[in-house]
C-alpha atoms as a PDB file:
ATOM      1  CA  MET A   1       6.443   0.304  27.637  1.00  0.00           C
ATOM      2  CA  ASN A   2       7.132   2.935  24.983  1.00  0.00           C
ATOM      3  CA  ALA A   3       4.270   5.181  23.960  1.00  0.00           C
ATOM      4  CA  LYS A   4       3.918   5.655  20.237  1.00  0.00           C
ATOM      5  CA  THR A   5       4.354   9.227  19.128  1.00  0.00           C
ATOM      6  CA  MET A   6       1.760  10.544  16.699  1.00  0.00           C
ATOM      7  CA  LYS A   7       2.786  13.304  14.304  1.00  0.00           C
ATOM      8  CA  VAL A   8       0.597  15.484  12.121  1.00  0.00           C
ATOM      9  CA  PRO A   9       1.652  16.206   8.537  1.00  0.00           C
ATOM     10  CA  GLY A  10       2.594  19.823   7.915  1.00  0.00           C
ATOM     11  CA  PRO A  11       4.961  22.033   5.940  1.00  0.00           C
ATOM     12  CA  ASP A  12       8.025  20.168   7.264  1.00  0.00           C
ATOM     13  CA  HIS A  13       6.523  16.749   6.406  1.00  0.00           C
ATOM     14  CA  PRO A  14       3.634  17.102   3.930  1.00  0.00           C
ATOM     15  CA  ILE A  15       1.376  14.186   3.028  1.00  0.00           C
ATOM     16  CA  THR A  16      -1.264  14.279   0.295  1.00  0.00           C
ATOM     17  CA  VAL A  17      -3.628  11.576  -0.951  1.00  0.00           C
ATOM     18  CA  GLU A  18      -5.382  11.775  -4.309  1.00  0.00           C
ATOM     19  CA  LEU A  19      -7.105   9.462  -6.776  1.00  0.00           C
ATOM     20  CA  SER A  20      -4.800   7.985  -9.399  1.00  0.00           C
ATOM     21  CA  ARG A  21      -5.831   8.434 -13.014  1.00  0.00           C
ATOM     22  CA  SER A  22      -4.183   5.139 -13.992  1.00  0.00           C
ATOM     23  CA  ARG A  23      -5.136   1.499 -14.051  1.00  0.00           C
ATOM     24  CA  VAL A  24      -2.859  -0.516 -11.752  1.00  0.00           C
ATOM     25  CA  VAL A  25      -2.102  -4.196 -12.375  1.00  0.00           C
ATOM     26  CA  VAL A  26       0.113  -6.229 -10.036  1.00  0.00           C
ATOM     27  CA  CYS A  27       1.266  -9.738 -10.971  1.00  0.00           C
ATOM     28  CA  VAL A  28       3.240 -12.422  -9.141  1.00  0.00           C
ATOM     29  CA  ALA A  29       4.133 -15.798 -10.680  1.00  0.00           C
ATOM     30  CA  LYS A  30       1.882 -14.992 -13.668  1.00  0.00           C
ATOM     31  CA  ILE A  31      -1.063 -14.481 -11.282  1.00  0.00           C
ATOM     32  CA  GLU A  32      -2.912 -11.180 -11.412  1.00  0.00           C
ATOM     33  CA  ILE A  33      -3.080 -10.053  -7.791  1.00  0.00           C
ATOM     34  CA  VAL A  34      -4.509  -6.578  -8.472  1.00  0.00           C
ATOM     35  CA  ASN A  35      -6.421  -4.907 -11.269  1.00  0.00           C
ATOM     36  CA  SER A  36      -7.705  -1.517 -10.186  1.00  0.00           C
ATOM     37  CA  ARG A  37      -8.912   1.768 -11.593  1.00  0.00           C
ATOM     38  CA  ASP A  38      -9.432   3.179  -8.091  1.00  0.00           C
ATOM     39  CA  ALA A  39      -5.923   3.368  -6.662  1.00  0.00           C
ATOM     40  CA  LEU A  40      -4.870   6.291  -4.511  1.00  0.00           C
ATOM     41  CA  ILE A  41      -1.503   8.042  -4.724  1.00  0.00           C
ATOM     42  CA  LEU A  42       0.036   8.979  -1.388  1.00  0.00           C
ATOM     43  CA  ARG A  43       2.817  11.550  -1.579  1.00  0.00           C
ATOM     44  CA  GLU A  44       4.821  11.939   1.616  1.00  0.00           C
ATOM     45  CA  ALA A  45       7.605  14.466   2.106  1.00  0.00           C
ATOM     46  CA  SER A  46      10.557  13.569  -0.149  1.00  0.00           C
ATOM     47  CA  TYR A  47       9.666   9.848  -0.443  1.00  0.00           C
ATOM     48  CA  PRO A  48       8.632   8.380  -3.808  1.00  0.00           C
ATOM     49  CA  PRO A  49       4.831   8.320  -4.344  1.00  0.00           C
ATOM     50  CA  VAL A  50       3.059   5.136  -3.216  1.00  0.00           C
ATOM     51  CA  LEU A  51      -0.007   3.577  -4.818  1.00  0.00           C
ATOM     52  CA  TYR A  52      -2.655   2.312  -2.395  1.00  0.00           C
ATOM     53  CA  ILE A  53      -5.115  -0.132  -3.969  1.00  0.00           C
ATOM     54  CA  PRO A  54      -8.579  -0.875  -2.560  1.00  0.00           C
ATOM     55  CA  ARG A  55      -8.747  -4.363  -1.051  1.00  0.00           C
ATOM     56  CA  ARG A  56     -11.839  -5.052  -3.148  1.00  0.00           C
ATOM     57  CA  ASP A  57      -9.595  -4.854  -6.245  1.00  0.00           C
ATOM     58  CA  ALA A  58      -7.071  -7.370  -4.899  1.00  0.00           C
ATOM     59  CA  ASP A  59      -7.272 -11.160  -4.938  1.00  0.00           C
ATOM     60  CA  MET A  60      -6.981 -11.492  -1.171  1.00  0.00           C
ATOM     61  CA  SER A  61      -6.928 -15.309  -1.515  1.00  0.00           C
ATOM     62  CA  GLN A  62      -3.349 -14.921  -2.849  1.00  0.00           C
ATOM     63  CA  LEU A  63      -2.193 -13.019   0.259  1.00  0.00           C
ATOM     64  CA  VAL A  64      -1.280 -14.394   3.678  1.00  0.00           C
ATOM     65  CA  ARG A  65      -1.063 -12.105   6.699  1.00  0.00           C
ATOM     66  CA  SER A  66       2.386 -12.159   8.241  1.00  0.00           C
ATOM     67  CA  GLU A  67       3.500 -11.497  11.789  1.00  0.00           C
ATOM     68  CA  HIS A  68       5.582  -8.514  10.654  1.00  0.00           C
ATOM     69  CA  SER A  69       4.425  -5.051  11.714  1.00  0.00           C
ATOM     70  CA  THR A  70       5.844  -1.544  11.766  1.00  0.00           C
ATOM     71  CA  TYR A  71       4.793   1.876  12.972  1.00  0.00           C
ATOM     72  CA  CYS A  72       4.747   5.251  11.237  1.00  0.00           C
ATOM     73  CA  PRO A  73       4.174   8.300  13.440  1.00  0.00           C
ATOM     74  CA  TYR A  74       2.244   9.958  10.565  1.00  0.00           C
ATOM     75  CA  LYS A  75       0.088   7.008   9.487  1.00  0.00           C
ATOM     76  CA  GLY A  76      -0.117   4.590  12.444  1.00  0.00           C
ATOM     77  CA  ASP A  77       0.355   0.839  12.877  1.00  0.00           C
ATOM     78  CA  CYS A  78       1.190  -1.056   9.702  1.00  0.00           C
ATOM     79  CA  SER A  79       0.404  -4.729   8.998  1.00  0.00           C
ATOM     80  CA  TYR A  80       1.917  -6.896   6.277  1.00  0.00           C
ATOM     81  CA  TYR A  81       0.975  -9.691   3.905  1.00  0.00           C
ATOM     82  CA  SER A  82       3.133 -12.122   1.973  1.00  0.00           C
ATOM     83  CA  ILE A  83       2.353 -13.590  -1.442  1.00  0.00           C
ATOM     84  CA  PRO A  84       3.213 -17.312  -1.238  1.00  0.00           C
ATOM     85  CA  ALA A  85       3.167 -17.752  -5.041  1.00  0.00           C
ATOM     86  CA  GLY A  86       6.150 -15.394  -5.229  1.00  0.00           C
ATOM     87  CA  GLY A  87       8.334 -17.451  -2.905  1.00  0.00           C
ATOM     88  CA  PRO A  88      10.926 -15.838  -0.603  1.00  0.00           C
ATOM     89  CA  LYS A  89      11.050 -12.675  -2.721  1.00  0.00           C
ATOM     90  CA  SER A  90       7.399 -11.918  -1.885  1.00  0.00           C
ATOM     91  CA  ILE A  91       7.593 -12.187   1.907  1.00  0.00           C
ATOM     92  CA  ASN A  92       6.039  -9.068   3.445  1.00  0.00           C
ATOM     93  CA  ALA A  93       5.425  -7.735  -0.083  1.00  0.00           C
ATOM     94  CA  VAL A  94       2.227  -5.921   0.863  1.00  0.00           C
ATOM     95  CA  TRP A  95       1.505  -3.413   3.595  1.00  0.00           C
ATOM     96  CA  THR A  96      -1.646  -1.834   4.925  1.00  0.00           C
ATOM     97  CA  TYR A  97      -2.732   0.652   7.566  1.00  0.00           C
ATOM     98  CA  GLU A  98      -5.932  -0.887   8.885  1.00  0.00           C
ATOM     99  CA  ARG A  99      -6.681   1.992  11.247  1.00  0.00           C
ATOM    100  CA  PRO A 100      -4.669   4.905   9.864  1.00  0.00           C
ATOM    101  CA  TYR A 101      -4.504   8.238  11.603  1.00  0.00           C
ATOM    102  CA  ALA A 102      -7.094  10.843  10.587  1.00  0.00           C
ATOM    103  CA  ALA A 103      -4.642  12.774   8.402  1.00  0.00           C
ATOM    104  CA  VAL A 104      -4.476   9.813   5.982  1.00  0.00           C
ATOM    105  CA  ALA A 105      -7.870   8.210   6.653  1.00  0.00           C
ATOM    106  CA  GLU A 106      -8.411   7.732   2.908  1.00  0.00           C
ATOM    107  CA  ILE A 107      -5.927   4.826   2.816  1.00  0.00           C
ATOM    108  CA  GLN A 108      -7.993   2.698   5.187  1.00  0.00           C
ATOM    109  CA  GLY A 109      -9.076  -0.467   3.371  1.00  0.00           C
ATOM    110  CA  HIS A 110      -6.192  -0.153   0.900  1.00  0.00           C
ATOM    111  CA  LEU A 111      -3.019  -2.140   0.196  1.00  0.00           C
ATOM    112  CA  ALA A 112       0.410  -1.044  -1.023  1.00  0.00           C
ATOM    113  CA  PHE A 113       2.981  -3.262  -2.749  1.00  0.00           C
ATOM    114  CA  TYR A 114       6.773  -3.197  -2.708  1.00  0.00           C
ATOM    115  CA  ARG A 115       7.741  -3.037  -6.397  1.00  0.00           C
ATOM    116  CA  ASP A 116      10.812  -5.206  -5.848  1.00  0.00           C
ATOM    117  CA  ARG A 117       8.790  -7.985  -4.174  1.00  0.00           C
ATOM    118  CA  VAL A 118       6.319  -8.549  -7.019  1.00  0.00           C
ATOM    119  CA  ASP A 119       7.025  -9.587 -10.610  1.00  0.00           C
ATOM    120  CA  SER A 120       5.304  -6.542 -12.074  1.00  0.00           C
ATOM    121  CA  LEU A 121       3.447  -3.455 -10.948  1.00  0.00           C
ATOM    122  CA  LYS A 122       2.216  -1.646 -14.030  1.00  0.00           C
ATOM    123  CA  THR A 123       0.276   1.553 -14.400  1.00  0.00           C
ATOM    124  CA  THR A 124      -1.411   2.561 -17.624  1.00  0.00           C
ATOM    125  CA  ASP A 125      -3.312   5.700 -18.539  1.00  0.00           C
ATOM    126  CA  ASP A 126      -6.973   4.950 -18.340  1.00  0.00           C
ATOM    127  CA  ALA A 127      -9.607   7.409 -19.518  1.00  0.00           C
ATOM    128  CA  ARG A 128     -12.333   7.702 -16.948  1.00  0.00           C
END
């Protein structure tokens, strides 16, 4: 049995989480899956920023939990959802850290979407 290594973000691998100032809308097969003004932006090292959307702002009835899982030493165990309306393209289109490590605790209860597995993921400026 391999023990999972936990790493803490730092100067060599920074991670920040902040509130997005944009509205986020995700659609698949002309179905609005997400409409949120409360998304978080996670910036990790040199990776592109990722939007994490609160589950309460997602139509969870359109998502089906998959058996797929991964592990990130900085964030923890990752679970996945597929979006059946999107067909094969939308398999494992959504990921979530249900019990993230303390360094990224803010993303608990949030979902992230692969842009190439949904029909659209749009952000628009939204005055708060």
